[in-house]
Amino acid sequence: GDSLDDYVVGWFRQAPGKEREAVSSINSSGATTV
């Protein structure tokens, strides 16, 4: 019964020589993004 609508998902990126940084996130229902 578990599915993706139970999970928050984020995208991150790491450029050469730099720290990994957050790009975007979406909440479990998909209704909220940042």
PDB file of all heavy atoms in Angstrom:
ATOM      1  N   GLY A   1       0.791  -1.221   0.000  1.00  0.00           N
ATOM      2  CA  GLY A   1       0.000   0.000   0.000  1.00  0.00           C
ATOM      3  C   GLY A   1       0.815   1.257   0.000  1.00  0.00           C
ATOM      4  O   GLY A   1       0.293   2.353  -0.186  1.00  0.00           O
ATOM      5  N   ASP A   2       2.111   1.149   0.243  1.00  0.00           N
ATOM      6  CA  ASP A   2       3.000   2.305   0.215  1.00  0.00           C
ATOM      7  C   ASP A   2       3.175   2.731  -1.233  1.00  0.00           C
ATOM      8  O   ASP A   2       3.224   1.884  -2.132  1.00  0.00           O
ATOM      9  CB  ASP A   2       4.350   1.917   0.813  1.00  0.00           C
ATOM     10  CG  ASP A   2       5.014   3.063   1.533  1.00  0.00           C
ATOM     11  OD1 ASP A   2       4.294   4.006   1.919  1.00  0.00           O
ATOM     12  OD2 ASP A   2       6.243   3.036   1.722  1.00  0.00           O
ATOM     13  N   SER A   3       3.278   4.034  -1.437  1.00  0.00           N
ATOM     14  CA  SER A   3       3.456   4.526  -2.796  1.00  0.00           C
ATOM     15  C   SER A   3       4.135   5.887  -2.758  1.00  0.00           C
ATOM     16  O   SER A   3       4.408   6.433  -1.683  1.00  0.00           O
ATOM     17  CB  SER A   3       2.114   4.626  -3.519  1.00  0.00           C
ATOM     18  OG  SER A   3       1.299   5.596  -2.899  1.00  0.00           O
ATOM     19  N   LEU A   4       4.390   6.417  -3.944  1.00  0.00           N
ATOM     20  CA  LEU A   4       5.134   7.671  -4.019  1.00  0.00           C
ATOM     21  C   LEU A   4       4.385   8.811  -3.348  1.00  0.00           C
ATOM     22  O   LEU A   4       5.027   9.774  -2.888  1.00  0.00           O
ATOM     23  CB  LEU A   4       5.422   8.004  -5.486  1.00  0.00           C
ATOM     24  CG  LEU A   4       6.338   9.188  -5.746  1.00  0.00           C
ATOM     25  CD1 LEU A   4       7.691   8.991  -5.067  1.00  0.00           C
ATOM     26  CD2 LEU A   4       6.517   9.407  -7.232  1.00  0.00           C
ATOM     27  N   ASP A   5       3.071   8.744  -3.226  1.00  0.00           N
ATOM     28  CA  ASP A   5       2.365   9.836  -2.571  1.00  0.00           C
ATOM     29  C   ASP A   5       2.487   9.799  -1.058  1.00  0.00           C
ATOM     30  O   ASP A   5       1.813  10.540  -0.353  1.00  0.00           O
ATOM     31  CB  ASP A   5       0.909   9.960  -3.030  1.00  0.00           C
ATOM     32  CG  ASP A   5       0.096   8.722  -2.753  1.00  0.00           C
ATOM     33  OD1 ASP A   5       0.603   7.806  -2.077  1.00  0.00           O
ATOM     34  OD2 ASP A   5      -1.057   8.672  -3.206  1.00  0.00           O
ATOM     35  N   ASP A   6       3.359   8.943  -0.554  1.00  0.00           N
ATOM     36  CA  ASP A   6       3.750   8.969   0.856  1.00  0.00           C
ATOM     37  C   ASP A   6       5.108   9.625   1.067  1.00  0.00           C
ATOM     38  O   ASP A   6       5.587   9.713   2.209  1.00  0.00           O
ATOM     39  CB  ASP A   6       3.832   7.541   1.418  1.00  0.00           C
ATOM     40  CG  ASP A   6       2.477   6.852   1.443  1.00  0.00           C
ATOM     41  OD1 ASP A   6       1.539   7.427   2.021  1.00  0.00           O
ATOM     42  OD2 ASP A   6       2.380   5.737   0.876  1.00  0.00           O
ATOM     43  N   TYR A   7       5.735  10.076  -0.038  1.00  0.00           N
ATOM     44  CA  TYR A   7       7.119  10.512   0.020  1.00  0.00           C
ATOM     45  C   TYR A   7       7.315  11.952  -0.458  1.00  0.00           C
ATOM     46  O   TYR A   7       6.756  12.365  -1.476  1.00  0.00           O
ATOM     47  CB  TYR A   7       8.005   9.603  -0.858  1.00  0.00           C
ATOM     48  CG  TYR A   7       8.180   8.216  -0.290  1.00  0.00           C
ATOM     49  CD1 TYR A   7       7.179   7.262  -0.406  1.00  0.00           C
ATOM     50  CD2 TYR A   7       9.356   7.857   0.363  1.00  0.00           C
ATOM     51  CE1 TYR A   7       7.337   5.992   0.134  1.00  0.00           C
ATOM     52  CE2 TYR A   7       9.537   6.595   0.890  1.00  0.00           C
ATOM     53  CZ  TYR A   7       8.518   5.662   0.774  1.00  0.00           C
ATOM     54  OH  TYR A   7       8.686   4.408   1.299  1.00  0.00           O
ATOM     55  N   VAL A   8       8.153  12.673   0.255  1.00  0.00           N
ATOM     56  CA  VAL A   8       8.688  13.939  -0.246  1.00  0.00           C
ATOM     57  C   VAL A   8       9.897  13.606  -1.111  1.00  0.00           C
ATOM     58  O   VAL A   8      10.667  12.690  -0.802  1.00  0.00           O
ATOM     59  CB  VAL A   8       9.075  14.890   0.906  1.00  0.00           C
ATOM     60  CG1 VAL A   8      10.099  14.273   1.845  1.00  0.00           C
ATOM     61  CG2 VAL A   8       9.575  16.218   0.364  1.00  0.00           C
ATOM     62  N   VAL A   9      10.045  14.337  -2.211  1.00  0.00           N
ATOM     63  CA  VAL A   9      11.156  14.100  -3.127  1.00  0.00           C
ATOM     64  C   VAL A   9      11.870  15.423  -3.406  1.00  0.00           C
ATOM     65  O   VAL A   9      11.234  16.464  -3.559  1.00  0.00           O
ATOM     66  CB  VAL A   9      10.680  13.472  -4.442  1.00  0.00           C
ATOM     67  CG1 VAL A   9      11.853  13.288  -5.414  1.00  0.00           C
ATOM     68  CG2 VAL A   9      10.007  12.127  -4.173  1.00  0.00           C
ATOM     69  N   GLY A  10      13.172  15.354  -3.454  1.00  0.00           N
ATOM     70  CA  GLY A  10      13.961  16.536  -3.763  1.00  0.00           C
ATOM     71  C   GLY A  10      14.947  16.275  -4.881  1.00  0.00           C
ATOM     72  O   GLY A  10      15.346  15.131  -5.124  1.00  0.00           O
ATOM     73  N   TRP A  11      15.310  17.343  -5.562  1.00  0.00           N
ATOM     74  CA  TRP A  11      16.393  17.314  -6.532  1.00  0.00           C
ATOM     75  C   TRP A  11      17.544  18.151  -5.975  1.00  0.00           C
ATOM     76  O   TRP A  11      17.330  19.274  -5.496  1.00  0.00           O
ATOM     77  CB  TRP A  11      15.958  17.883  -7.882  1.00  0.00           C
ATOM     78  CG  TRP A  11      15.125  16.961  -8.704  1.00  0.00           C
ATOM     79  CD1 TRP A  11      13.770  16.945  -8.802  1.00  0.00           C
ATOM     80  CD2 TRP A  11      15.599  15.912  -9.560  1.00  0.00           C
ATOM     81  NE1 TRP A  11      13.358  15.958  -9.663  1.00  0.00           N
ATOM     82  CE2 TRP A  11      14.463  15.306 -10.153  1.00  0.00           C
ATOM     83  CE3 TRP A  11      16.865  15.423  -9.905  1.00  0.00           C
ATOM     84  CZ2 TRP A  11      14.560  14.236 -11.052  1.00  0.00           C
ATOM     85  CZ3 TRP A  11      16.964  14.372 -10.794  1.00  0.00           C
ATOM     86  CH2 TRP A  11      15.825  13.789 -11.359  1.00  0.00           C
ATOM     87  N   PHE A  12      18.736  17.609  -6.083  1.00  0.00           N
ATOM     88  CA  PHE A  12      19.947  18.288  -5.655  1.00  0.00           C
ATOM     89  C   PHE A  12      20.947  18.229  -6.808  1.00  0.00           C
ATOM     90  O   PHE A  12      20.796  17.431  -7.731  1.00  0.00           O
ATOM     91  CB  PHE A  12      20.545  17.592  -4.422  1.00  0.00           C
ATOM     92  CG  PHE A  12      19.675  17.694  -3.197  1.00  0.00           C
ATOM     93  CD1 PHE A  12      18.564  16.882  -3.042  1.00  0.00           C
ATOM     94  CD2 PHE A  12      19.974  18.603  -2.200  1.00  0.00           C
ATOM     95  CE1 PHE A  12      17.754  16.982  -1.912  1.00  0.00           C
ATOM     96  CE2 PHE A  12      19.184  18.710  -1.068  1.00  0.00           C
ATOM     97  CZ  PHE A  12      18.078  17.897  -0.932  1.00  0.00           C
ATOM     98  N   ARG A  13      21.976  19.076  -6.737  1.00  0.00           N
ATOM     99  CA  ARG A  13      23.009  19.015  -7.762  1.00  0.00           C
ATOM    100  C   ARG A  13      24.369  19.329  -7.155  1.00  0.00           C
ATOM    101  O   ARG A  13      24.457  20.023  -6.142  1.00  0.00           O
ATOM    102  CB  ARG A  13      22.719  19.982  -8.900  1.00  0.00           C
ATOM    103  CG  ARG A  13      22.785  21.452  -8.531  1.00  0.00           C
ATOM    104  CD  ARG A  13      22.321  22.313  -9.707  1.00  0.00           C
ATOM    105  NE  ARG A  13      22.404  23.742  -9.389  1.00  0.00           N
ATOM    106  CZ  ARG A  13      21.967  24.701 -10.214  1.00  0.00           C
ATOM    107  NH1 ARG A  13      21.407  24.383 -11.390  1.00  0.00           N
ATOM    108  NH2 ARG A  13      22.068  25.970  -9.864  1.00  0.00           N
ATOM    109  N   GLN A  14      25.393  18.789  -7.812  1.00  0.00           N
ATOM    110  CA  GLN A  14      26.754  19.042  -7.364  1.00  0.00           C
ATOM    111  C   GLN A  14      27.626  19.334  -8.572  1.00  0.00           C
ATOM    112  O   GLN A  14      27.802  18.471  -9.432  1.00  0.00           O
ATOM    113  CB  GLN A  14      27.316  17.861  -6.576  1.00  0.00           C
ATOM    114  CG  GLN A  14      28.661  18.164  -5.941  1.00  0.00           C
ATOM    115  CD  GLN A  14      29.075  17.123  -4.921  1.00  0.00           C
ATOM    116  OE1 GLN A  14      28.598  15.989  -4.925  1.00  0.00           O
ATOM    117  NE2 GLN A  14      29.961  17.509  -4.011  1.00  0.00           N
ATOM    118  N   ALA A  15      28.135  20.541  -8.615  1.00  0.00           N
ATOM    119  CA  ALA A  15      29.049  20.954  -9.685  1.00  0.00           C
ATOM    120  C   ALA A  15      30.477  20.601  -9.288  1.00  0.00           C
ATOM    121  O   ALA A  15      30.780  20.464  -8.094  1.00  0.00           O
ATOM    122  CB  ALA A  15      28.912  22.446  -9.933  1.00  0.00           C
ATOM    123  N   PRO A  16      31.352  20.461 -10.261  1.00  0.00           N
ATOM    124  CA  PRO A  16      32.753  20.117  -9.945  1.00  0.00           C
ATOM    125  C   PRO A  16      33.368  21.117  -8.970  1.00  0.00           C
ATOM    126  O   PRO A  16      33.286  22.330  -9.166  1.00  0.00           O
ATOM    127  CB  PRO A  16      33.443  20.185 -11.308  1.00  0.00           C
ATOM    128  CG  PRO A  16      32.363  19.932 -12.290  1.00  0.00           C
ATOM    129  CD  PRO A  16      31.124  20.548 -11.700  1.00  0.00           C
ATOM    130  N   GLY A  17      33.962  20.593  -7.907  1.00  0.00           N
ATOM    131  CA  GLY A  17      34.633  21.441  -6.938  1.00  0.00           C
ATOM    132  C   GLY A  17      33.725  22.194  -6.000  1.00  0.00           C
ATOM    133  O   GLY A  17      34.194  23.038  -5.220  1.00  0.00           O
ATOM    134  N   LYS A  18      32.415  21.899  -6.045  1.00  0.00           N
ATOM    135  CA  LYS A  18      31.469  22.626  -5.187  1.00  0.00           C
ATOM    136  C   LYS A  18      30.693  21.671  -4.303  1.00  0.00           C
ATOM    137  O   LYS A  18      30.630  20.468  -4.566  1.00  0.00           O
ATOM    138  CB  LYS A  18      30.502  23.445  -6.055  1.00  0.00           C
ATOM    139  CG  LYS A  18      31.171  24.573  -6.818  1.00  0.00           C
ATOM    140  CD  LYS A  18      30.135  25.453  -7.479  1.00  0.00           C
ATOM    141  CE  LYS A  18      30.767  26.650  -8.172  1.00  0.00           C
ATOM    142  NZ  LYS A  18      29.761  27.539  -8.805  1.00  0.00           N
ATOM    143  N   GLU A  19      30.090  22.231  -3.262  1.00  0.00           N
ATOM    144  CA  GLU A  19      29.229  21.457  -2.390  1.00  0.00           C
ATOM    145  C   GLU A  19      27.917  21.125  -3.110  1.00  0.00           C
ATOM    146  O   GLU A  19      27.473  21.863  -3.988  1.00  0.00           O
ATOM    147  CB  GLU A  19      28.912  22.262  -1.116  1.00  0.00           C
ATOM    148  CG  GLU A  19      30.117  22.573  -0.249  1.00  0.00           C
ATOM    149  CD  GLU A  19      30.623  21.344   0.475  1.00  0.00           C
ATOM    150  OE1 GLU A  19      29.780  20.565   0.970  1.00  0.00           O
ATOM    151  OE2 GLU A  19      31.858  21.156   0.532  1.00  0.00           O
ATOM    152  N   ARG A  20      27.313  20.000  -2.701  1.00  0.00           N
ATOM    153  CA  ARG A  20      25.999  19.677  -3.246  1.00  0.00           C
ATOM    154  C   ARG A  20      24.996  20.697  -2.732  1.00  0.00           C
ATOM    155  O   ARG A  20      25.051  21.095  -1.557  1.00  0.00           O
ATOM    156  CB  ARG A  20      25.605  18.257  -2.851  1.00  0.00           C
ATOM    157  CG  ARG A  20      24.361  17.760  -3.548  1.00  0.00           C
ATOM    158  CD  ARG A  20      24.288  16.247  -3.559  1.00  0.00           C
ATOM    159  NE  ARG A  20      24.333  15.652  -2.240  1.00  0.00           N
ATOM    160  CZ  ARG A  20      24.381  14.340  -2.031  1.00  0.00           C
ATOM    161  NH1 ARG A  20      24.420  13.500  -3.053  1.00  0.00           N
ATOM    162  NH2 ARG A  20      24.414  13.878  -0.803  1.00  0.00           N
ATOM    163  N   GLU A  21      24.081  21.107  -3.601  1.00  0.00           N
ATOM    164  CA  GLU A  21      23.089  22.106  -3.226  1.00  0.00           C
ATOM    165  C   GLU A  21      21.692  21.646  -3.620  1.00  0.00           C
ATOM    166  O   GLU A  21      21.512  20.872  -4.566  1.00  0.00           O
ATOM    167  CB  GLU A  21      23.392  23.446  -3.910  1.00  0.00           C
ATOM    168  CG  GLU A  21      23.318  23.425  -5.411  1.00  0.00           C
ATOM    169  CD  GLU A  21      23.517  24.788  -6.042  1.00  0.00           C
ATOM    170  OE1 GLU A  21      23.656  25.788  -5.321  1.00  0.00           O
ATOM    171  OE2 GLU A  21      23.526  24.853  -7.285  1.00  0.00           O
ATOM    172  N   ALA A  22      20.717  22.137  -2.890  1.00  0.00           N
ATOM    173  CA  ALA A  22      19.325  21.818  -3.182  1.00  0.00           C
ATOM    174  C   ALA A  22      18.849  22.618  -4.370  1.00  0.00           C
ATOM    175  O   ALA A  22      19.185  23.798  -4.521  1.00  0.00           O
ATOM    176  CB  ALA A  22      18.457  22.107  -1.970  1.00  0.00           C
ATOM    177  N   VAL A  23      18.071  21.970  -5.209  1.00  0.00           N
ATOM    178  CA  VAL A  23      17.497  22.613  -6.391  1.00  0.00           C
ATOM    179  C   VAL A  23      15.994  22.813  -6.213  1.00  0.00           C
ATOM    180  O   VAL A  23      15.470  23.908  -6.431  1.00  0.00           O
ATOM    181  CB  VAL A  23      17.768  21.773  -7.653  1.00  0.00           C
ATOM    182  CG1 VAL A  23      17.069  22.365  -8.864  1.00  0.00           C
ATOM    183  CG2 VAL A  23      19.265  21.644  -7.899  1.00  0.00           C
ATOM    184  N   SER A  24      15.304  21.749  -5.812  1.00  0.00           N
ATOM    185  CA  SER A  24      13.854  21.825  -5.730  1.00  0.00           C
ATOM    186  C   SER A  24      13.330  20.673  -4.895  1.00  0.00           C
ATOM    187  O   SER A  24      14.021  19.658  -4.711  1.00  0.00           O
ATOM    188  CB  SER A  24      13.243  21.772  -7.132  1.00  0.00           C
ATOM    189  OG  SER A  24      11.840  21.909  -7.093  1.00  0.00           O
ATOM    190  N   SER A  25      12.116  20.827  -4.405  1.00  0.00           N
ATOM    191  CA  SER A  25      11.472  19.754  -3.651  1.00  0.00           C
ATOM    192  C   SER A  25       9.973  19.795  -3.901  1.00  0.00           C
ATOM    193  O   SER A  25       9.398  20.866  -4.158  1.00  0.00           O
ATOM    194  CB  SER A  25      11.767  19.910  -2.156  1.00  0.00           C
ATOM    195  OG  SER A  25      11.073  18.948  -1.386  1.00  0.00           O
ATOM    196  N   ILE A  26       9.347  18.617  -3.795  1.00  0.00           N
ATOM    197  CA  ILE A  26       7.895  18.505  -3.965  1.00  0.00           C
ATOM    198  C   ILE A  26       7.355  17.623  -2.851  1.00  0.00           C
ATOM    199  O   ILE A  26       7.952  16.597  -2.499  1.00  0.00           O
ATOM    200  CB  ILE A  26       7.556  17.950  -5.371  1.00  0.00           C
ATOM    201  CG1 ILE A  26       6.054  18.013  -5.647  1.00  0.00           C
ATOM    202  CG2 ILE A  26       8.107  16.542  -5.562  1.00  0.00           C
ATOM    203  CD1 ILE A  26       5.713  17.810  -7.122  1.00  0.00           C
ATOM    204  N   ASN A  27       6.224  18.011  -2.278  1.00  0.00           N
ATOM    205  CA  ASN A  27       5.717  17.257  -1.133  1.00  0.00           C
ATOM    206  C   ASN A  27       5.015  15.982  -1.581  1.00  0.00           C
ATOM    207  O   ASN A  27       4.903  15.693  -2.774  1.00  0.00           O
ATOM    208  CB  ASN A  27       4.830  18.135  -0.265  1.00  0.00           C
ATOM    209  CG  ASN A  27       3.444  18.366  -0.848  1.00  0.00           C
ATOM    210  OD1 ASN A  27       3.256  18.299  -2.070  1.00  0.00           O
ATOM    211  ND2 ASN A  27       2.487  18.628   0.011  1.00  0.00           N
ATOM    212  N   SER A  28       4.552  15.214  -0.624  1.00  0.00           N
ATOM    213  CA  SER A  28       4.035  13.879  -0.918  1.00  0.00           C
ATOM    214  C   SER A  28       2.854  13.905  -1.880  1.00  0.00           C
ATOM    215  O   SER A  28       2.779  13.090  -2.808  1.00  0.00           O
ATOM    216  CB  SER A  28       3.653  13.167   0.386  1.00  0.00           C
ATOM    217  OG  SER A  28       2.798  13.977   1.176  1.00  0.00           O
ATOM    218  N   SER A  29       1.946  14.839  -1.717  1.00  0.00           N
ATOM    219  CA  SER A  29       0.768  14.893  -2.590  1.00  0.00           C
ATOM    220  C   SER A  29       1.070  15.538  -3.937  1.00  0.00           C
ATOM    221  O   SER A  29       0.299  15.389  -4.885  1.00  0.00           O
ATOM    222  CB  SER A  29      -0.359  15.671  -1.912  1.00  0.00           C
ATOM    223  OG  SER A  29      -0.028  17.048  -1.828  1.00  0.00           O
ATOM    224  N   GLY A  30       2.181  16.260  -4.017  1.00  0.00           N
ATOM    225  CA  GLY A  30       2.503  16.990  -5.231  1.00  0.00           C
ATOM    226  C   GLY A  30       1.928  18.384  -5.277  1.00  0.00           C
ATOM    227  O   GLY A  30       2.124  19.101  -6.259  1.00  0.00           O
ATOM    228  N   ALA A  31       1.262  18.792  -4.221  1.00  0.00           N
ATOM    229  CA  ALA A  31       0.578  20.084  -4.215  1.00  0.00           C
ATOM    230  C   ALA A  31       1.493  21.250  -3.883  1.00  0.00           C
ATOM    231  O   ALA A  31       1.178  22.403  -4.202  1.00  0.00           O
ATOM    232  CB  ALA A  31      -0.567  20.046  -3.211  1.00  0.00           C
ATOM    233  N   THR A  32       2.612  20.980  -3.242  1.00  0.00           N
ATOM    234  CA  THR A  32       3.510  22.052  -2.799  1.00  0.00           C
ATOM    235  C   THR A  32       4.910  21.829  -3.345  1.00  0.00           C
ATOM    236  O   THR A  32       5.435  20.709  -3.273  1.00  0.00           O
ATOM    237  CB  THR A  32       3.570  22.102  -1.269  1.00  0.00           C
ATOM    238  OG1 THR A  32       2.254  22.260  -0.755  1.00  0.00           O
ATOM    239  CG2 THR A  32       4.431  23.270  -0.792  1.00  0.00           C
ATOM    240  N   THR A  33       5.492  22.896  -3.875  1.00  0.00           N
ATOM    241  CA  THR A  33       6.847  22.831  -4.413  1.00  0.00           C
ATOM    242  C   THR A  33       7.669  24.005  -3.904  1.00  0.00           C
ATOM    243  O   THR A  33       7.120  25.019  -3.470  1.00  0.00           O
ATOM    244  CB  THR A  33       6.837  22.867  -5.955  1.00  0.00           C
ATOM    245  OG1 THR A  33       6.201  24.082  -6.391  1.00  0.00           O
ATOM    246  CG2 THR A  33       6.078  21.683  -6.533  1.00  0.00           C
ATOM    247  N   VAL A  34       8.965  23.845  -3.971  1.00  0.00           N
ATOM    248  CA  VAL A  34       9.875  24.928  -3.577  1.00  0.00           C
ATOM    249  C   VAL A  34      11.094  24.846  -4.475  1.00  0.00           C
ATOM    250  O   VAL A  34      11.464  23.744  -4.950  1.00  0.00           O
ATOM    251  CB  VAL A  34      10.253  24.802  -2.081  1.00  0.00           C
ATOM    252  CG1 VAL A  34      11.008  23.527  -1.799  1.00  0.00           C
ATOM    253  CG2 VAL A  34      11.023  26.020  -1.615  1.00  0.00           C
TER     254      VAL A  34
END
